[in-house]
Amino acid sequence: MQKNSEFIDKLRTSGLRPTRQRLKICELLFNRDKTFHFTINDLARNISEKLNEKISLATIYNTVHAFKKKGYLKEITINSDKSYFDTNITNHHHFYDEDTNQLIDCNNNEIGKVKIKNNITGKKINSVEVLVRVASDIQNQN
């Protein structure tokens, strides 16, 4: 578990002043044992419900994006209007449950080697991360 001084350092290195609200955001994001996947709205709801705090959506948005830019969070784009953020910043794969809108970590050993046959000229591949979309199999539910 992280301490307040670590949260202050994270905020400052992200170019943010360590206000009480931003420290609460850090506490919810980084003071946990397991990976946390969230949308901005999910995080706002969690702050309101779990911490009984009122923090503006703009503050949450700006803080999350500053953390992403600094490399403390990873953004996973589901479609043009839905992105999740992940506190696990290592290269790894995900399942996206379209029934529950839940993003679930998938271990690298659960996905076979992905072979890229072509690359963009003048570019190198930094990482390959697979997003597997899943939904209920309606045919097998009868």
N, C-alpha and C. Protein backbone atom coordinates (compact mmCIF):
# COMPACT_ATOMS: atom_id res chain seq x y z
N MET A 1 0.83 -1.19 0.00
CA MET A 1 0.00 0.00 0.00
C MET A 1 0.88 1.26 0.00
N GLN A 2 0.44 2.23 -0.74
CA GLN A 2 1.25 3.45 -0.87
C GLN A 2 0.89 4.46 0.21
N LYS A 3 1.81 5.36 0.45
CA LYS A 3 1.64 6.39 1.45
C LYS A 3 1.34 7.73 0.80
N ASN A 4 0.88 8.66 1.61
CA ASN A 4 0.54 10.00 1.14
C ASN A 4 1.72 10.68 0.44
N SER A 5 2.95 10.48 0.95
CA SER A 5 4.12 11.13 0.35
C SER A 5 4.35 10.61 -1.07
N GLU A 6 4.06 9.33 -1.31
CA GLU A 6 4.19 8.77 -2.66
C GLU A 6 3.14 9.37 -3.59
N PHE A 7 1.94 9.59 -3.08
CA PHE A 7 0.88 10.20 -3.88
C PHE A 7 1.27 11.64 -4.24
N ILE A 8 1.83 12.36 -3.28
CA ILE A 8 2.26 13.74 -3.52
C ILE A 8 3.33 13.76 -4.61
N ASP A 9 4.28 12.84 -4.54
CA ASP A 9 5.32 12.75 -5.57
C ASP A 9 4.72 12.45 -6.94
N LYS A 10 3.78 11.52 -6.98
CA LYS A 10 3.11 11.15 -8.25
C LYS A 10 2.42 12.37 -8.85
N LEU A 11 1.71 13.10 -8.02
CA LEU A 11 1.00 14.29 -8.50
C LEU A 11 1.99 15.34 -9.00
N ARG A 12 3.01 15.61 -8.23
CA ARG A 12 3.99 16.64 -8.63
C ARG A 12 4.72 16.27 -9.91
N THR A 13 5.13 14.99 -10.05
CA THR A 13 5.82 14.60 -11.28
C THR A 13 4.88 14.58 -12.48
N SER A 14 3.58 14.58 -12.21
CA SER A 14 2.58 14.66 -13.29
C SER A 14 2.21 16.10 -13.60
N GLY A 15 2.84 17.04 -12.89
CA GLY A 15 2.58 18.46 -13.14
C GLY A 15 1.34 18.97 -12.43
N LEU A 16 0.92 18.27 -11.38
CA LEU A 16 -0.29 18.66 -10.66
C LEU A 16 0.03 19.05 -9.22
N ARG A 17 -0.72 20.03 -8.72
CA ARG A 17 -0.60 20.39 -7.31
C ARG A 17 -1.29 19.31 -6.48
N PRO A 18 -0.69 18.89 -5.37
CA PRO A 18 -1.30 17.85 -4.54
C PRO A 18 -2.41 18.39 -3.64
N THR A 19 -3.56 18.64 -4.22
CA THR A 19 -4.71 19.11 -3.44
C THR A 19 -5.36 17.93 -2.72
N ARG A 20 -6.24 18.22 -1.78
CA ARG A 20 -6.95 17.18 -1.04
C ARG A 20 -7.75 16.28 -1.98
N GLN A 21 -8.41 16.89 -2.97
CA GLN A 21 -9.20 16.11 -3.92
C GLN A 21 -8.32 15.17 -4.75
N ARG A 22 -7.21 15.68 -5.23
CA ARG A 22 -6.31 14.84 -6.04
C ARG A 22 -5.68 13.73 -5.21
N LEU A 23 -5.40 14.00 -3.94
CA LEU A 23 -4.89 12.94 -3.06
C LEU A 23 -5.93 11.85 -2.87
N LYS A 24 -7.20 12.22 -2.81
CA LYS A 24 -8.29 11.23 -2.71
C LYS A 24 -8.35 10.39 -3.99
N ILE A 25 -8.17 11.02 -5.13
CA ILE A 25 -8.15 10.28 -6.40
C ILE A 25 -7.00 9.28 -6.39
N CYS A 26 -5.82 9.72 -5.96
CA CYS A 26 -4.66 8.82 -5.86
C CYS A 26 -4.95 7.65 -4.94
N GLU A 27 -5.54 7.94 -3.82
CA GLU A 27 -5.86 6.89 -2.85
C GLU A 27 -6.74 5.82 -3.48
N LEU A 28 -7.75 6.23 -4.21
CA LEU A 28 -8.65 5.28 -4.84
C LEU A 28 -7.98 4.51 -5.98
N LEU A 29 -7.11 5.18 -6.73
CA LEU A 29 -6.45 4.53 -7.86
C LEU A 29 -5.30 3.62 -7.46
N PHE A 30 -4.45 4.09 -6.57
CA PHE A 30 -3.17 3.42 -6.35
C PHE A 30 -3.01 2.73 -4.99
N ASN A 31 -3.94 2.91 -4.10
CA ASN A 31 -3.85 2.29 -2.78
C ASN A 31 -4.66 1.00 -2.77
N ARG A 32 -4.23 0.03 -3.60
CA ARG A 32 -4.95 -1.23 -3.74
C ARG A 32 -3.98 -2.33 -4.14
N ASP A 33 -4.41 -3.55 -3.90
CA ASP A 33 -3.57 -4.70 -4.21
C ASP A 33 -3.78 -5.19 -5.64
N LYS A 34 -5.00 -5.04 -6.15
CA LYS A 34 -5.33 -5.58 -7.47
C LYS A 34 -5.44 -4.46 -8.51
N THR A 35 -5.28 -4.85 -9.77
CA THR A 35 -5.45 -3.93 -10.89
C THR A 35 -6.85 -3.33 -10.85
N PHE A 36 -6.95 -2.07 -11.26
CA PHE A 36 -8.23 -1.37 -11.29
C PHE A 36 -8.46 -0.85 -12.70
N HIS A 37 -9.56 -1.29 -13.33
CA HIS A 37 -9.98 -0.79 -14.64
C HIS A 37 -11.16 0.14 -14.41
N PHE A 38 -11.17 1.28 -15.07
CA PHE A 38 -12.26 2.23 -14.83
C PHE A 38 -12.41 3.19 -16.00
N THR A 39 -13.61 3.72 -16.12
CA THR A 39 -13.85 4.88 -16.99
C THR A 39 -13.83 6.10 -16.07
N ILE A 40 -13.79 7.27 -16.67
CA ILE A 40 -13.83 8.50 -15.87
C ILE A 40 -15.12 8.54 -15.03
N ASN A 41 -16.24 8.17 -15.65
CA ASN A 41 -17.51 8.18 -14.91
C ASN A 41 -17.53 7.14 -13.79
N ASP A 42 -16.93 5.95 -14.04
CA ASP A 42 -16.82 4.95 -12.98
C ASP A 42 -16.06 5.51 -11.78
N LEU A 43 -14.94 6.17 -12.07
CA LEU A 43 -14.11 6.73 -11.01
C LEU A 43 -14.87 7.80 -10.23
N ALA A 44 -15.58 8.66 -10.93
CA ALA A 44 -16.38 9.70 -10.26
C ALA A 44 -17.42 9.06 -9.34
N ARG A 45 -18.07 8.00 -9.80
CA ARG A 45 -19.08 7.30 -9.01
C ARG A 45 -18.43 6.64 -7.78
N ASN A 46 -17.27 6.02 -7.97
CA ASN A 46 -16.56 5.39 -6.85
C ASN A 46 -16.14 6.41 -5.80
N ILE A 47 -15.67 7.56 -6.25
CA ILE A 47 -15.26 8.62 -5.32
C ILE A 47 -16.46 9.06 -4.50
N SER A 48 -17.58 9.24 -5.16
CA SER A 48 -18.79 9.68 -4.48
C SER A 48 -19.29 8.63 -3.49
N GLU A 49 -19.32 7.35 -3.92
CA GLU A 49 -19.87 6.28 -3.08
C GLU A 49 -18.92 5.82 -2.00
N LYS A 50 -17.66 5.54 -2.36
CA LYS A 50 -16.72 4.94 -1.41
C LYS A 50 -16.05 5.95 -0.50
N LEU A 51 -15.76 7.11 -1.03
CA LEU A 51 -15.05 8.11 -0.24
C LEU A 51 -15.97 9.22 0.26
N ASN A 52 -17.22 9.19 -0.19
CA ASN A 52 -18.20 10.21 0.20
C ASN A 52 -17.65 11.61 -0.05
N GLU A 53 -17.02 11.77 -1.21
CA GLU A 53 -16.41 13.04 -1.62
C GLU A 53 -17.12 13.58 -2.84
N LYS A 54 -17.11 14.88 -2.98
CA LYS A 54 -17.64 15.54 -4.17
C LYS A 54 -16.45 16.19 -4.88
N ILE A 55 -16.01 15.58 -5.99
CA ILE A 55 -14.90 16.11 -6.77
C ILE A 55 -15.42 16.34 -8.18
N SER A 56 -15.12 17.50 -8.73
CA SER A 56 -15.64 17.83 -10.05
C SER A 56 -15.13 16.86 -11.10
N LEU A 57 -15.96 16.60 -12.10
CA LEU A 57 -15.59 15.71 -13.20
C LEU A 57 -14.36 16.24 -13.93
N ALA A 58 -14.24 17.57 -14.03
CA ALA A 58 -13.08 18.18 -14.69
C ALA A 58 -11.79 17.86 -13.93
N THR A 59 -11.82 17.92 -12.61
CA THR A 59 -10.64 17.59 -11.81
C THR A 59 -10.27 16.13 -11.98
N ILE A 60 -11.27 15.25 -11.97
CA ILE A 60 -11.02 13.82 -12.16
C ILE A 60 -10.42 13.59 -13.55
N TYR A 61 -11.04 14.15 -14.56
CA TYR A 61 -10.59 14.00 -15.95
C TYR A 61 -9.14 14.48 -16.10
N ASN A 62 -8.86 15.68 -15.64
CA ASN A 62 -7.52 16.26 -15.78
C ASN A 62 -6.47 15.46 -15.02
N THR A 63 -6.82 14.97 -13.84
CA THR A 63 -5.88 14.19 -13.04
C THR A 63 -5.58 12.86 -13.71
N VAL A 64 -6.62 12.16 -14.17
CA VAL A 64 -6.44 10.87 -14.84
C VAL A 64 -5.58 11.04 -16.10
N HIS A 65 -5.86 12.05 -16.89
CA HIS A 65 -5.10 12.25 -18.13
C HIS A 65 -3.65 12.69 -17.86
N ALA A 66 -3.44 13.43 -16.79
CA ALA A 66 -2.05 13.78 -16.42
C ALA A 66 -1.29 12.52 -15.99
N PHE A 67 -1.95 11.63 -15.25
CA PHE A 67 -1.33 10.36 -14.85
C PHE A 67 -1.05 9.48 -16.07
N LYS A 68 -1.97 9.47 -17.02
CA LYS A 68 -1.77 8.68 -18.25
C LYS A 68 -0.57 9.23 -19.02
N LYS A 69 -0.51 10.53 -19.17
CA LYS A 69 0.58 11.16 -19.92
C LYS A 69 1.93 10.87 -19.28
N LYS A 70 1.97 10.79 -17.96
CA LYS A 70 3.21 10.53 -17.23
C LYS A 70 3.54 9.04 -17.18
N GLY A 71 2.58 8.17 -17.54
CA GLY A 71 2.85 6.74 -17.57
C GLY A 71 2.39 5.98 -16.33
N TYR A 72 1.61 6.62 -15.47
CA TYR A 72 1.11 5.95 -14.28
C TYR A 72 -0.17 5.15 -14.56
N LEU A 73 -0.83 5.47 -15.65
CA LEU A 73 -2.05 4.76 -16.07
C LEU A 73 -1.94 4.44 -17.55
N LYS A 74 -2.65 3.41 -17.96
CA LYS A 74 -2.71 3.02 -19.37
C LYS A 74 -4.16 3.21 -19.82
N GLU A 75 -4.35 3.71 -21.04
CA GLU A 75 -5.69 3.87 -21.59
C GLU A 75 -5.96 2.75 -22.59
N ILE A 76 -7.12 2.12 -22.45
CA ILE A 76 -7.55 1.07 -23.38
C ILE A 76 -8.82 1.57 -24.05
N THR A 77 -8.75 1.80 -25.35
CA THR A 77 -9.89 2.32 -26.10
C THR A 77 -10.75 1.16 -26.56
N ILE A 78 -12.02 1.19 -26.20
CA ILE A 78 -12.97 0.14 -26.58
C ILE A 78 -13.63 0.50 -27.90
N ASN A 79 -14.07 1.73 -28.03
CA ASN A 79 -14.61 2.24 -29.28
C ASN A 79 -14.44 3.76 -29.28
N SER A 80 -15.01 4.43 -30.26
CA SER A 80 -14.74 5.87 -30.40
C SER A 80 -15.22 6.70 -29.22
N ASP A 81 -16.17 6.19 -28.44
CA ASP A 81 -16.67 7.00 -27.32
C ASP A 81 -16.52 6.31 -25.96
N LYS A 82 -15.71 5.25 -25.88
CA LYS A 82 -15.53 4.56 -24.60
C LYS A 82 -14.07 4.15 -24.41
N SER A 83 -13.48 4.66 -23.34
CA SER A 83 -12.12 4.30 -22.97
C SER A 83 -12.10 3.90 -21.50
N TYR A 84 -11.27 2.91 -21.23
CA TYR A 84 -11.00 2.50 -19.85
C TYR A 84 -9.57 2.87 -19.52
N PHE A 85 -9.31 3.05 -18.26
CA PHE A 85 -7.95 3.28 -17.78
C PHE A 85 -7.59 2.11 -16.88
N ASP A 86 -6.31 1.79 -16.86
CA ASP A 86 -5.82 0.61 -16.16
C ASP A 86 -4.66 1.02 -15.28
N THR A 87 -4.68 0.60 -14.02
CA THR A 87 -3.58 0.89 -13.12
C THR A 87 -2.39 -0.04 -13.34
N ASN A 88 -2.60 -1.14 -14.09
CA ASN A 88 -1.51 -2.04 -14.45
C ASN A 88 -0.94 -1.54 -15.78
N ILE A 89 0.23 -0.94 -15.73
CA ILE A 89 0.80 -0.30 -16.93
C ILE A 89 1.73 -1.23 -17.72
N THR A 90 1.86 -2.50 -17.29
CA THR A 90 2.68 -3.44 -18.05
C THR A 90 1.94 -3.84 -19.32
N ASN A 91 2.67 -4.38 -20.30
CA ASN A 91 2.04 -4.87 -21.51
C ASN A 91 1.29 -6.16 -21.17
N HIS A 92 -0.01 -6.15 -21.37
CA HIS A 92 -0.82 -7.34 -21.11
C HIS A 92 -2.11 -7.24 -21.92
N HIS A 93 -2.81 -8.35 -22.01
CA HIS A 93 -4.02 -8.46 -22.82
C HIS A 93 -5.27 -8.31 -21.96
N HIS A 94 -6.41 -8.08 -22.63
CA HIS A 94 -7.67 -7.91 -21.92
C HIS A 94 -8.82 -8.64 -22.61
N PHE A 95 -9.77 -9.07 -21.80
CA PHE A 95 -11.09 -9.46 -22.27
C PHE A 95 -11.99 -8.25 -22.02
N TYR A 96 -12.89 -7.99 -22.95
CA TYR A 96 -13.92 -6.96 -22.72
C TYR A 96 -15.27 -7.65 -22.82
N ASP A 97 -15.98 -7.70 -21.69
CA ASP A 97 -17.30 -8.34 -21.63
C ASP A 97 -18.34 -7.32 -22.09
N GLU A 98 -18.88 -7.55 -23.28
CA GLU A 98 -19.84 -6.61 -23.86
C GLU A 98 -21.18 -6.62 -23.13
N ASP A 99 -21.47 -7.70 -22.39
CA ASP A 99 -22.73 -7.76 -21.62
C ASP A 99 -22.67 -6.89 -20.37
N THR A 100 -21.52 -6.89 -19.71
CA THR A 100 -21.38 -6.17 -18.44
C THR A 100 -20.54 -4.90 -18.54
N ASN A 101 -19.95 -4.66 -19.72
CA ASN A 101 -19.02 -3.54 -19.93
C ASN A 101 -17.85 -3.60 -18.96
N GLN A 102 -17.37 -4.80 -18.70
CA GLN A 102 -16.27 -5.00 -17.77
C GLN A 102 -15.00 -5.35 -18.54
N LEU A 103 -13.90 -4.74 -18.15
CA LEU A 103 -12.59 -5.02 -18.72
C LEU A 103 -11.86 -5.94 -17.74
N ILE A 104 -11.33 -7.06 -18.24
CA ILE A 104 -10.74 -8.09 -17.40
C ILE A 104 -9.35 -8.40 -17.92
N ASP A 105 -8.37 -8.42 -17.02
CA ASP A 105 -7.01 -8.78 -17.41
C ASP A 105 -6.97 -10.21 -17.92
N CYS A 106 -6.15 -10.42 -18.92
CA CYS A 106 -5.93 -11.74 -19.49
C CYS A 106 -4.43 -11.98 -19.43
N ASN A 107 -4.02 -13.06 -18.81
CA ASN A 107 -2.59 -13.35 -18.70
C ASN A 107 -1.97 -13.57 -20.07
N ASN A 108 -0.73 -13.14 -20.21
CA ASN A 108 -0.03 -13.31 -21.48
C ASN A 108 0.06 -14.77 -21.90
N ASN A 109 0.14 -15.69 -20.95
CA ASN A 109 0.24 -17.11 -21.30
C ASN A 109 -1.10 -17.69 -21.77
N GLU A 110 -2.18 -16.92 -21.68
CA GLU A 110 -3.49 -17.36 -22.16
C GLU A 110 -3.73 -17.00 -23.63
N ILE A 111 -2.81 -16.23 -24.20
CA ILE A 111 -2.89 -15.82 -25.60
C ILE A 111 -1.63 -16.34 -26.29
N GLY A 112 -1.81 -17.01 -27.40
CA GLY A 112 -0.64 -17.50 -28.15
C GLY A 112 0.15 -16.34 -28.73
N LYS A 113 1.30 -16.67 -29.25
CA LYS A 113 2.17 -15.65 -29.86
C LYS A 113 1.44 -14.99 -31.03
N VAL A 114 1.45 -13.68 -31.04
CA VAL A 114 0.84 -12.91 -32.11
C VAL A 114 1.93 -12.58 -33.12
N LYS A 115 1.72 -13.00 -34.35
CA LYS A 115 2.73 -12.77 -35.38
C LYS A 115 2.30 -11.60 -36.27
N ILE A 116 3.12 -10.59 -36.32
CA ILE A 116 2.88 -9.42 -37.15
C ILE A 116 3.65 -9.62 -38.45
N LYS A 117 2.94 -9.69 -39.56
CA LYS A 117 3.60 -9.97 -40.85
C LYS A 117 4.11 -8.72 -41.54
N ASN A 118 3.59 -7.58 -41.17
CA ASN A 118 3.98 -6.35 -41.83
C ASN A 118 4.06 -5.25 -40.79
N ASN A 119 4.89 -4.27 -41.03
CA ASN A 119 5.03 -3.15 -40.13
C ASN A 119 5.03 -1.87 -40.96
N ILE A 120 4.82 -0.77 -40.33
CA ILE A 120 4.85 0.52 -41.01
C ILE A 120 6.31 0.92 -41.21
N THR A 121 6.67 1.29 -42.42
CA THR A 121 8.04 1.66 -42.75
C THR A 121 8.51 2.78 -41.82
N GLY A 122 9.69 2.60 -41.29
CA GLY A 122 10.28 3.61 -40.42
C GLY A 122 9.79 3.56 -38.98
N LYS A 123 8.99 2.57 -38.66
CA LYS A 123 8.45 2.44 -37.30
C LYS A 123 8.87 1.11 -36.71
N LYS A 124 8.96 1.07 -35.37
CA LYS A 124 9.20 -0.19 -34.69
C LYS A 124 8.00 -0.49 -33.80
N ILE A 125 7.73 -1.75 -33.61
CA ILE A 125 6.60 -2.15 -32.76
C ILE A 125 7.05 -2.07 -31.31
N ASN A 126 6.32 -1.29 -30.51
CA ASN A 126 6.63 -1.15 -29.08
C ASN A 126 5.99 -2.25 -28.25
N SER A 127 4.77 -2.61 -28.60
CA SER A 127 4.08 -3.67 -27.86
C SER A 127 2.92 -4.18 -28.71
N VAL A 128 2.48 -5.38 -28.36
CA VAL A 128 1.28 -5.96 -28.97
C VAL A 128 0.37 -6.35 -27.81
N GLU A 129 -0.79 -5.74 -27.78
CA GLU A 129 -1.75 -6.02 -26.73
C GLU A 129 -3.08 -6.36 -27.38
N VAL A 130 -3.63 -7.50 -26.99
CA VAL A 130 -4.85 -8.02 -27.60
C VAL A 130 -6.05 -7.66 -26.73
N LEU A 131 -7.12 -7.21 -27.38
CA LEU A 131 -8.40 -6.97 -26.71
C LEU A 131 -9.38 -7.99 -27.28
N VAL A 132 -9.82 -8.92 -26.44
CA VAL A 132 -10.75 -9.96 -26.85
C VAL A 132 -12.14 -9.58 -26.36
N ARG A 133 -13.06 -9.38 -27.30
CA ARG A 133 -14.44 -9.01 -26.93
C ARG A 133 -15.23 -10.29 -26.75
N VAL A 134 -15.96 -10.38 -25.62
CA VAL A 134 -16.79 -11.55 -25.33
C VAL A 134 -18.21 -11.09 -25.02
N ALA A 135 -19.17 -11.99 -25.29
CA ALA A 135 -20.58 -11.72 -24.98
C ALA A 135 -21.24 -13.06 -24.74
N SER A 136 -22.42 -13.03 -24.16
CA SER A 136 -23.16 -14.25 -23.89
C SER A 136 -23.46 -14.98 -25.19
N ASP A 137 -23.38 -16.28 -25.12
CA ASP A 137 -23.71 -17.13 -26.27
C ASP A 137 -25.19 -17.47 -26.17
N ILE A 138 -26.02 -16.69 -26.83
CA ILE A 138 -27.48 -16.82 -26.73
C ILE A 138 -27.95 -18.19 -27.20
N GLN A 139 -27.32 -18.77 -28.20
CA GLN A 139 -27.73 -20.07 -28.73
C GLN A 139 -27.59 -21.17 -27.69
N ASN A 140 -26.57 -21.09 -26.83
CA ASN A 140 -26.33 -22.15 -25.85
C ASN A 140 -27.07 -21.92 -24.53
N GLN A 141 -27.85 -20.87 -24.44
CA GLN A 141 -28.57 -20.61 -23.20
C GLN A 141 -29.94 -21.29 -23.17
N ASN A 142 -30.40 -21.82 -24.26
CA ASN A 142 -31.73 -22.45 -24.31
C ASN A 142 -31.71 -23.86 -23.81
